[in-house]
Protein backbone atom coordinates (compact mmCIF):
# COMPACT_ATOMS: atom_id res chain seq x y z
CA MET A 1 68.16 -23.07 45.80
CA PHE A 2 68.40 -24.17 42.29
CA LYS A 3 68.81 -27.37 40.64
CA LYS A 4 69.81 -26.73 37.51
CA ILE A 5 71.53 -23.12 35.72
CA LEU A 6 71.99 -22.69 31.89
CA VAL A 7 75.20 -20.61 31.37
CA ALA A 8 74.30 -18.12 28.33
CA ASN A 9 77.81 -17.46 27.21
CA ARG A 10 81.05 -19.29 26.20
CA GLY A 11 84.74 -19.12 26.82
CA GLU A 12 86.22 -18.65 30.30
CA ILE A 13 83.49 -16.86 31.69
CA ALA A 14 81.12 -19.87 30.96
CA LEU A 15 83.37 -22.39 32.37
CA ARG A 16 83.78 -20.02 35.57
CA VAL A 17 80.33 -20.28 36.45
CA ILE A 18 80.06 -23.86 35.64
CA CYS A 19 82.90 -24.43 38.49
CA ALA A 20 80.91 -21.97 40.77
CA CYS A 21 77.86 -24.34 40.04
CA LYS A 22 79.77 -27.54 40.81
CA GLU A 23 80.98 -26.48 43.90
CA LEU A 24 77.24 -25.50 45.10
CA GLY A 25 76.08 -29.21 43.73
CA ILE A 26 74.07 -27.48 41.02
CA GLN A 27 73.60 -29.11 37.44
CA THR A 28 74.79 -27.36 34.45
CA VAL A 29 73.68 -26.75 30.98
CA ALA A 30 75.95 -25.23 28.50
CA VAL A 31 74.97 -23.77 25.27
CA TYR A 32 77.35 -23.68 22.40
CA SER A 33 77.77 -22.41 18.74
CA GLU A 34 78.79 -24.91 15.92
CA ALA A 35 82.25 -23.47 15.97
CA ASP A 36 82.41 -24.18 20.17
CA ARG A 37 81.30 -27.90 19.93
CA ASN A 38 84.77 -28.89 21.16
CA SER A 39 85.19 -26.37 23.89
CA LEU A 40 85.67 -26.88 27.64
CA HIS A 41 82.31 -25.57 28.85
CA VAL A 42 80.63 -27.88 26.43
CA ARG A 43 82.78 -30.82 27.74
CA PHE A 44 82.38 -29.98 31.60
CA ALA A 45 78.60 -29.02 31.93
CA ASP A 46 76.42 -32.00 32.70
CA GLU A 47 74.17 -31.08 29.52
CA ALA A 48 74.83 -29.31 26.38
CA VAL A 49 72.82 -27.74 23.53
CA CYS A 50 73.76 -26.35 20.50
CA ILE A 51 71.86 -23.25 19.73
CA GLY A 52 73.09 -22.32 16.28
CA PRO A 53 76.14 -21.44 13.73
CA ALA A 54 79.09 -19.70 14.49
CA ARG A 55 77.94 -16.29 14.25
CA SER A 56 77.04 -14.67 17.83
CA SER A 57 73.73 -13.03 16.24
CA GLU A 58 72.87 -16.36 15.36
CA SER A 59 73.84 -18.25 18.35
CA TYR A 60 74.84 -16.55 21.62
CA LEU A 61 72.71 -13.31 20.97
CA ASN A 62 69.81 -15.91 19.66
CA ILE A 63 67.19 -15.29 22.43
CA PRO A 64 64.42 -17.84 21.31
CA SER A 65 67.45 -20.48 20.82
CA ILE A 66 68.52 -20.11 24.50
CA ILE A 67 64.82 -19.87 25.73
CA SER A 68 64.52 -23.11 24.26
CA ALA A 69 67.80 -24.57 25.22
CA ALA A 70 66.53 -23.95 28.88
CA GLU A 71 62.80 -25.28 28.15
CA ILE A 72 63.83 -28.21 27.00
CA THR A 73 66.77 -29.09 29.70
CA ASN A 74 64.28 -27.78 32.57
CA VAL A 75 66.34 -25.36 34.14
CA ASP A 76 65.74 -23.20 37.18
CA ALA A 77 67.79 -20.08 36.06
CA ILE A 78 69.93 -18.52 33.54
CA HIS A 79 73.53 -17.11 34.18
CA PRO A 80 74.41 -14.63 31.24
CA GLY A 81 78.18 -14.08 32.04
CA TYR A 82 79.73 -11.15 30.49
CA GLY A 83 78.98 -9.70 27.35
CA TYR A 84 76.54 -10.88 24.83
CA LEU A 85 72.84 -10.85 26.60
CA SER A 86 74.35 -9.87 30.31
CA GLU A 87 73.01 -6.55 30.05
CA SER A 88 70.07 -7.00 27.80
CA ALA A 89 66.84 -5.96 29.96
CA TYR A 90 64.66 -7.39 27.18
CA PHE A 91 66.23 -10.77 27.70
CA ALA A 92 65.90 -10.60 31.46
CA GLU A 93 62.31 -9.98 30.91
CA VAL A 94 62.07 -12.74 28.55
CA CYS A 95 63.62 -15.02 31.27
CA GLN A 96 60.96 -13.85 33.82
CA SER A 97 57.98 -14.26 31.45
CA CYS A 98 59.12 -17.75 30.67
CA HIS A 99 59.38 -18.37 34.91
CA LEU A 100 63.08 -18.64 34.91
CA THR A 101 65.52 -16.65 37.33
CA PHE A 102 67.79 -14.32 35.68
CA ILE A 103 71.05 -14.33 37.61
CA GLY A 104 71.71 -10.44 37.60
CA PRO A 105 69.52 -7.21 38.18
CA THR A 106 65.92 -6.46 37.61
CA PRO A 107 65.18 -5.75 33.87
CA ALA A 108 64.10 -1.95 35.19
CA VAL A 109 67.58 -1.44 36.81
CA ILE A 110 69.25 -2.84 33.59
CA ARG A 111 67.40 -0.67 31.51
CA LEU A 112 68.04 2.68 33.66
CA MET A 113 71.92 1.92 33.92
CA GLY A 114 72.18 1.02 30.32
CA ASP A 115 71.16 4.01 29.06
CA LYS A 116 74.15 5.96 29.76
CA ALA A 117 72.28 9.48 29.72
CA LYS A 118 69.89 8.35 32.29
CA ALA A 119 72.20 6.75 34.35
CA ARG A 120 74.18 9.69 34.94
CA ALA A 121 71.26 11.63 35.88
CA ALA A 122 70.26 9.24 38.31
CA MET A 123 73.42 9.12 39.71
CA ARG A 124 73.67 12.91 39.99
CA ASP A 125 70.12 12.71 41.83
CA ALA A 126 71.72 10.05 43.92
CA GLY A 127 75.02 12.36 44.84
CA LEU A 128 77.45 11.03 43.13
CA PRO A 129 79.63 13.61 41.13
CA ILE A 130 79.07 13.57 37.61
CA LEU A 131 80.97 15.28 34.45
CA SER A 132 79.57 18.28 32.80
CA GLY A 133 77.44 17.17 29.94
CA SER A 134 74.28 17.10 27.99
CA GLU A 135 71.39 16.34 30.11
CA GLY A 136 70.03 13.79 27.86
CA ILE A 137 70.18 12.78 24.46
CA ILE A 138 71.62 14.99 21.88
CA GLU A 139 69.01 15.35 18.83
CA ASP A 140 71.11 16.45 16.10
CA GLN A 141 74.39 17.94 15.42
CA THR A 142 73.69 21.64 16.03
CA GLN A 143 72.43 20.85 19.44
CA ALA A 144 75.82 19.09 19.77
CA GLU A 145 77.68 22.17 18.84
CA VAL A 146 75.55 24.28 21.27
CA VAL A 147 76.37 22.00 24.40
CA ALA A 148 80.08 21.34 23.51
CA LEU A 149 80.80 25.13 23.43
CA LYS A 150 78.87 25.63 26.61
CA ILE A 151 80.91 22.60 28.19
CA GLY A 152 84.02 23.96 26.66
CA PHE A 153 86.32 21.56 24.38
CA PRO A 154 87.56 18.69 24.45
CA VAL A 155 84.46 16.79 24.85
CA ILE A 156 83.27 13.26 24.04
CA LEU A 157 80.63 11.65 22.36
CA LYS A 158 79.36 8.23 23.70
CA ALA A 159 76.49 6.02 22.57
CA ALA A 160 73.95 6.32 25.09
CA ALA A 161 73.39 2.60 24.87
CA GLY A 162 77.17 2.29 24.39
CA GLY A 163 79.84 0.55 26.40
CA GLY A 164 83.46 -1.11 25.68
CA GLY A 165 84.64 2.07 23.91
CA ARG A 166 82.16 1.94 20.79
CA GLY A 167 80.30 4.52 19.40
CA MET A 168 82.50 7.15 20.70
CA ARG A 169 84.63 9.92 19.48
CA VAL A 170 87.02 12.65 21.52
CA VAL A 171 86.50 16.11 20.16
CA ARG A 172 88.77 19.28 20.38
CA SER A 173 86.84 21.84 18.00
CA VAL A 174 83.62 22.31 16.19
CA GLU A 175 85.24 21.40 12.87
CA GLU A 176 86.03 17.86 14.38
CA LEU A 177 82.57 17.55 16.35
CA ARG A 178 81.08 18.43 12.45
CA SER A 179 82.91 15.35 10.86
CA SER A 180 82.74 12.90 13.97
CA PHE A 181 79.25 13.11 14.63
CA GLY A 182 77.66 11.30 12.09
CA THR A 183 80.71 8.84 12.33
CA ALA A 184 79.80 8.23 15.98
CA GLN A 185 75.96 7.83 15.54
CA ARG A 186 76.68 5.19 12.66
CA GLU A 187 78.98 3.26 14.81
CA ALA A 188 76.24 3.39 18.02
CA THR A 189 73.70 2.08 15.73
CA HIS A 190 75.96 -0.88 14.09
CA ALA A 191 76.86 -1.49 17.48
CA PHE A 192 73.87 -1.33 19.69
CA GLY A 193 70.74 -0.70 17.37
CA ILE A 194 70.20 3.01 18.38
CA GLU A 195 72.28 6.09 17.20
CA ASP A 196 71.73 7.94 20.23
CA LEU A 197 74.17 10.05 21.70
CA TYR A 198 75.31 12.49 24.50
CA ILE A 199 78.19 14.49 25.54
CA GLU A 200 80.84 14.84 28.34
CA LYS A 201 83.59 16.93 29.32
CA TYR A 202 86.56 14.75 28.37
CA ILE A 203 89.12 14.58 30.66
CA GLU A 204 92.76 14.08 29.00
CA ARG A 205 94.75 12.01 31.45
CA PRO A 206 92.07 10.47 33.77
CA ARG A 207 92.75 7.18 36.29
CA HIS A 208 89.92 4.64 35.62
CA ILE A 209 88.62 3.36 38.83
CA GLU A 210 85.73 0.82 39.38
CA PHE A 211 84.12 -0.25 42.32
CA GLN A 212 82.58 -3.49 42.76
CA VAL A 213 79.19 -3.63 44.56
CA LEU A 214 76.91 -6.80 45.71
CA ALA A 215 73.30 -6.39 46.65
CA ASP A 216 70.68 -8.79 47.61
CA SER A 217 67.02 -9.09 47.71
CA HIS A 218 66.62 -8.17 51.75
CA GLY A 219 67.88 -4.42 51.17
CA ARG A 220 71.26 -4.79 51.98
CA VAL A 221 73.87 -3.61 49.61
CA ILE A 222 77.80 -3.72 50.08
CA HIS A 223 80.83 -2.76 48.34
CA LEU A 224 84.20 -4.64 47.94
CA GLY A 225 86.86 -1.83 47.32
CA GLU A 226 88.05 -0.36 44.04
CA ARG A 227 89.88 -1.77 41.04
CA GLU A 228 92.20 0.05 38.61
CA CYS A 229 91.91 -0.13 35.46
CA SER A 230 93.81 2.36 33.94
CA ILE A 231 95.94 0.20 31.47
CA GLN A 232 93.65 0.28 28.37
CA ARG A 233 94.05 0.18 24.36
CA ARG A 234 91.16 2.41 22.92
CA HIS A 235 89.30 2.08 26.07
CA GLN A 236 89.68 -1.33 26.12
CA LYS A 237 91.14 -2.77 29.68
CA ILE A 238 94.29 -4.72 29.25
CA LEU A 239 95.64 -4.88 33.01
CA GLU A 240 93.64 -4.72 36.05
CA GLU A 241 94.69 -4.47 40.01
CA SER A 242 93.30 -4.05 43.23
CA PRO A 243 93.58 -2.08 45.35
CA SER A 244 94.78 1.18 43.18
CA THR A 245 97.77 3.20 44.28
CA ILE A 246 95.98 6.72 44.52
CA ILE A 247 92.61 5.49 46.68
CA ASP A 248 93.58 5.68 50.30
CA ALA A 249 91.70 4.07 53.14
CA GLY A 250 89.60 7.66 53.79
CA LEU A 251 88.82 8.10 50.33
CA ARG A 252 88.05 4.24 49.57
CA SER A 253 85.65 4.52 52.57
CA GLU A 254 84.02 7.62 51.61
CA MET A 255 83.32 6.71 47.95
CA GLY A 256 82.16 3.03 48.82
CA ARG A 257 79.26 4.89 51.23
CA ARG A 258 78.66 7.18 48.37
CA VAL A 259 78.17 4.14 45.87
CA VAL A 260 76.58 2.03 48.49
CA LYS A 261 73.97 4.76 49.10
CA ALA A 262 73.40 5.03 45.29
CA MET A 263 72.76 1.42 44.88
CA GLU A 264 70.03 1.39 47.39
CA THR A 265 68.44 4.70 45.97
CA ILE A 266 67.78 2.63 42.49
CA GLY A 267 67.10 -0.71 44.07
CA TYR A 268 70.34 -2.71 42.77
CA LEU A 269 70.21 -6.47 43.03
CA ASN A 270 73.05 -8.66 42.45
CA ALA A 271 76.66 -7.86 41.41
CA GLY A 272 77.41 -4.70 39.60
CA THR A 273 80.46 -2.38 39.07
CA MET A 274 80.27 1.31 39.14
CA GLU A 275 82.92 3.07 36.99
CA PHE A 276 84.54 6.75 37.74
CA LEU A 277 87.17 8.69 36.34
CA VAL A 278 89.60 10.39 38.44
CA ASP A 279 91.41 13.62 37.19
CA GLU A 280 94.79 14.62 38.24
CA ASN A 281 93.63 16.25 41.45
CA LYS A 282 91.93 13.23 42.75
CA ASN A 283 88.09 14.92 41.85
CA ILE A 284 86.17 11.44 41.08
CA TYR A 285 83.39 11.36 38.51
CA PHE A 286 80.74 8.95 37.90
CA MET A 287 81.00 7.55 34.35
CA GLU A 288 78.64 4.58 33.79
CA MET A 289 77.84 1.24 35.43
CA ASN A 290 77.99 -2.23 34.26
CA THR A 291 75.04 -4.29 35.28
CA ARG A 292 76.90 -7.45 35.50
CA ILE A 293 80.03 -9.55 36.37
CA GLN A 294 82.93 -8.01 35.15
CA VAL A 295 86.07 -9.73 33.11
CA GLU A 296 88.43 -8.29 36.10
CA HIS A 297 86.34 -9.63 38.90
CA PRO A 298 88.88 -12.22 39.93
CA VAL A 299 91.02 -9.23 41.49
CA THR A 300 88.63 -8.40 43.85
CA GLU A 301 88.00 -12.35 44.74
CA PHE A 302 91.82 -12.60 45.50
CA VAL A 303 91.99 -9.30 47.98
CA THR A 304 88.51 -10.14 49.76
CA GLY A 305 88.61 -13.64 49.49
CA LEU A 306 84.99 -14.00 48.41
CA ASP A 307 83.76 -15.90 45.28
CA LEU A 308 81.81 -13.37 43.60
CA VAL A 309 80.01 -15.88 40.75
CA ARG A 310 79.02 -17.84 43.92
CA LYS A 311 77.40 -14.90 45.67
CA GLN A 312 75.79 -14.17 42.29
CA ILE A 313 74.26 -17.29 42.40
CA LEU A 314 73.41 -17.47 46.10
CA ILE A 315 71.83 -13.94 45.90
CA ALA A 316 69.72 -14.95 43.03
CA ALA A 317 68.32 -17.83 44.82
CA GLY A 318 67.26 -15.49 47.83
CA GLU A 319 70.09 -15.83 50.12
CA ARG A 320 71.15 -12.75 52.15
CA ILE A 321 74.75 -11.24 52.04
CA ASP A 322 76.66 -12.26 54.86
CA THR A 323 79.53 -9.69 54.57
CA VAL A 324 79.14 -6.37 55.89
CA CYS A 325 81.49 -3.30 54.66
CA SER A 326 83.03 -2.86 58.11
CA GLU A 327 84.46 -6.11 58.10
CA MET A 328 85.58 -6.09 54.68
CA LYS A 329 89.34 -6.20 54.75
CA LEU A 330 91.22 -6.21 51.61
CA ARG A 331 93.99 -8.27 51.66
CA GLY A 332 97.21 -7.84 49.99
CA HIS A 333 97.43 -6.77 46.25
CA ALA A 334 96.34 -8.40 42.84
CA ILE A 335 97.05 -8.08 39.15
CA GLU A 336 95.20 -9.25 36.32
CA CYS A 337 96.41 -9.39 32.72
CA ARG A 338 94.32 -10.19 29.71
CA ILE A 339 95.68 -12.66 27.73
CA ASN A 340 94.45 -11.99 24.17
CA ALA A 341 95.30 -13.85 20.80
CA GLU A 342 96.78 -10.79 18.99
CA ASP A 343 99.89 -9.57 17.46
CA PRO A 344 101.39 -7.67 20.43
CA GLU A 345 102.79 -4.84 18.06
CA THR A 346 99.84 -4.44 15.38
CA PHE A 347 97.20 -5.76 17.81
CA GLN A 348 95.75 -7.81 14.99
CA PRO A 349 93.67 -10.82 16.27
CA CYS A 350 95.63 -14.03 15.69
CA SER A 351 93.44 -16.96 14.81
CA GLY A 352 94.49 -20.60 14.63
CA LYS A 353 95.08 -23.73 16.51
CA ILE A 354 97.14 -23.54 19.95
CA THR A 355 99.76 -26.30 19.27
CA ALA A 356 101.40 -25.97 22.66
CA TRP A 357 99.81 -24.63 25.88
CA HIS A 358 101.35 -24.49 29.51
CA PRO A 359 99.77 -22.23 31.71
CA PRO A 360 101.88 -20.91 34.67
CA SER A 361 101.03 -22.12 37.98
CA GLY A 362 102.10 -21.60 41.98
CA THR A 363 101.47 -19.91 44.97
CA GLY A 364 99.17 -16.88 44.15
CA VAL A 365 98.67 -17.61 40.53
CA ARG A 366 95.27 -18.30 39.07
CA VAL A 367 94.87 -18.95 35.26
CA ASP A 368 91.10 -18.45 34.13
CA THR A 369 91.02 -19.82 30.72
CA ALA A 370 89.15 -22.28 28.40
CA MET A 371 91.91 -23.08 26.09
CA TYR A 372 93.63 -26.16 25.86
CA ALA A 373 96.37 -27.69 23.50
CA GLU A 374 95.19 -28.31 20.17
CA SER A 375 92.27 -26.27 20.84
CA GLU A 376 91.40 -23.86 17.99
CA VAL A 377 90.80 -19.87 18.42
CA THR A 378 88.65 -18.84 16.39
CA PRO A 379 88.01 -15.95 14.15
CA TYR A 380 84.18 -15.25 15.44
CA TYR A 381 84.47 -14.23 18.76
CA ASP A 382 86.60 -11.84 21.20
CA SER A 383 90.52 -12.68 21.22
CA LEU A 384 90.45 -13.09 24.97
CA ILE A 385 91.81 -16.47 25.31
CA ALA A 386 93.04 -16.74 28.93
CA LYS A 387 93.10 -14.23 32.26
CA VAL A 388 96.44 -14.62 34.66
CA ILE A 389 95.71 -13.26 38.29
CA VAL A 390 98.07 -12.96 40.90
CA HIS A 391 98.10 -12.12 44.66
CA ALA A 392 100.72 -11.16 46.87
CA ARG A 393 101.55 -9.28 50.13
CA CYS A 394 101.95 -6.00 48.30
CA ARG A 395 102.05 -4.35 44.66
CA GLU A 396 105.99 -4.92 44.44
CA GLU A 397 105.69 -8.78 45.10
CA SER A 398 102.82 -8.71 42.85
CA ILE A 399 104.60 -7.23 39.66
CA ARG A 400 107.28 -9.39 40.48
CA ARG A 401 105.08 -12.72 40.73
CA MET A 402 103.29 -11.66 37.59
CA ASN A 403 106.57 -11.46 35.59
CA ARG A 404 107.42 -14.74 36.59
CA ALA A 405 103.80 -16.30 35.75
CA LEU A 406 103.93 -14.66 32.17
CA ASP A 407 107.73 -15.78 31.65
CA MET A 408 106.28 -19.49 32.63
CA PHE A 409 103.19 -19.04 30.34
CA ILE A 410 103.88 -21.53 27.21
CA VAL A 411 101.66 -20.64 24.14
CA GLU A 412 102.78 -21.64 20.46
CA GLY A 413 100.69 -21.96 17.52
CA ILE A 414 99.14 -18.39 17.70
CA LYS A 415 100.62 -14.71 18.77
CA THR A 416 99.77 -13.25 22.13
CA ASN A 417 99.69 -9.82 23.38
CA ILE A 418 102.02 -11.60 26.54
CA PRO A 419 105.35 -9.81 25.40
CA LEU A 420 103.12 -6.37 25.66
CA HIS A 421 102.34 -7.24 29.59
CA GLN A 422 106.03 -7.89 30.16
CA ARG A 423 106.94 -4.46 28.65
CA ILE A 424 104.23 -2.90 30.76
CA LEU A 425 105.18 -4.48 34.33
CA HIS A 426 109.11 -3.73 33.53
CA ASP A 427 108.14 -0.05 32.49
CA PRO A 428 109.09 2.63 35.49
CA ASP A 429 106.01 4.43 35.51
CA PHE A 430 103.95 1.30 35.90
CA ILE A 431 106.22 0.04 38.96
CA ALA A 432 105.72 4.00 40.37
CA GLY A 433 102.13 3.76 40.20
CA ASN A 434 102.35 6.99 37.55
CA ILE A 435 99.63 5.39 35.35
CA ASP A 436 96.45 7.16 33.01
CA THR A 437 93.85 5.75 30.49
CA ARG A 438 96.42 7.26 28.03
CA PHE A 439 99.64 4.97 29.20
CA LEU A 440 99.96 2.79 26.14
CA GLU A 441 100.07 5.26 23.73
CA ARG A 442 103.93 5.53 24.22
CA TYR A 443 103.75 1.79 22.54
CA THR A 444 101.17 2.47 19.87
CA GLY A 445 102.30 5.72 18.24
CA LYS A 446 100.27 8.92 18.39
CA ALA A 447 97.27 8.77 20.34
CA SER A 448 94.23 8.10 17.62
CA ARG A 449 91.13 10.25 18.24
CA LYS A 450 88.82 7.77 17.30
CA VAL A 451 87.63 5.51 20.34
CA ALA A 452 86.95 2.11 19.47
């Protein structure tokens, strides 16, 4: 077992990893930027090292600084959390070359699944259904037009190295394709350093369903059921739940079997998430894979009773998965609301000092956060300040419990999107389970064809 782990992240996920390490008796090292000097992950880690200025490029994405911090504190392993370097094959390789265990998949698998075009091909070969699209990278606008006309509009341009909705454009005609292609390339270059794009058929009102997987170094792969992630704004998830209202036991078993087979085919290791689009006829298509722990992992923890971050650490240490799919029983229903520091009407980020902070509690309520009264929400990082997760016997009770929790969540000094979540939870279509990825358009006006 590891003696000391460096957490190469910040905020609530850094604190989440530190909690798991404490329960395993593992010492922790926090890294932090100058802007995060007073953060809770710094306070609760056994050691802390400042790795640079506020800008992420000079701190949390600064590989030499992170590796130097790992070496001077003599750690055994590095947990990357989510975001930042969590899906960097290069960072995983650097960790290996420095004899540090990277708590995640192998560099080769991260690289394969990080290239969305290659991932599509690999999953197609592994037996998963995929949307019609380009065979690989689109070389230029002329080729894009040929492929789009063959597939049929609407189509979506996607950054091959992308994720989180960046470098993407929905186009419905050749004219739109011509005006969007260069912009999508520039966005992809700015976000990921690579301009490569590919094209997929665009489904107008899909559901976004993802399957959680775990895989150990002894060849065992399991799935832990699905999460419904259809409540999104510009392809950024806002609310997640498990199980989905459209996935029955038979479909869950079949898709789970195919997901496990695909992960076995590519030699997957540790935690990961397979993401799918589901059309109105319940046809399921592979979209992409996230080779890391997800923001929304707590809903799966609630319905399975498993600590996924703990499992990540144990698997990285060489231990076997001790649960098989046939024994996995989903218990009840869980919902997660992402609480962002932003105006609930305009969605503009809102930085500043939190003057009052009282998170909800009670049976079946969990709050993952690194915020506290008098803490500062800076403009340098993601606007996520907390995740409220609830669990109950059924979806109806879970919705009521989340409503109660949000009513009791006091945040003063900054604006948050709590009012938006309350509107969603009281919406008749949401309550009935009639949702898709364009659900929030009713609140944000006419759909933007820019995916950001």
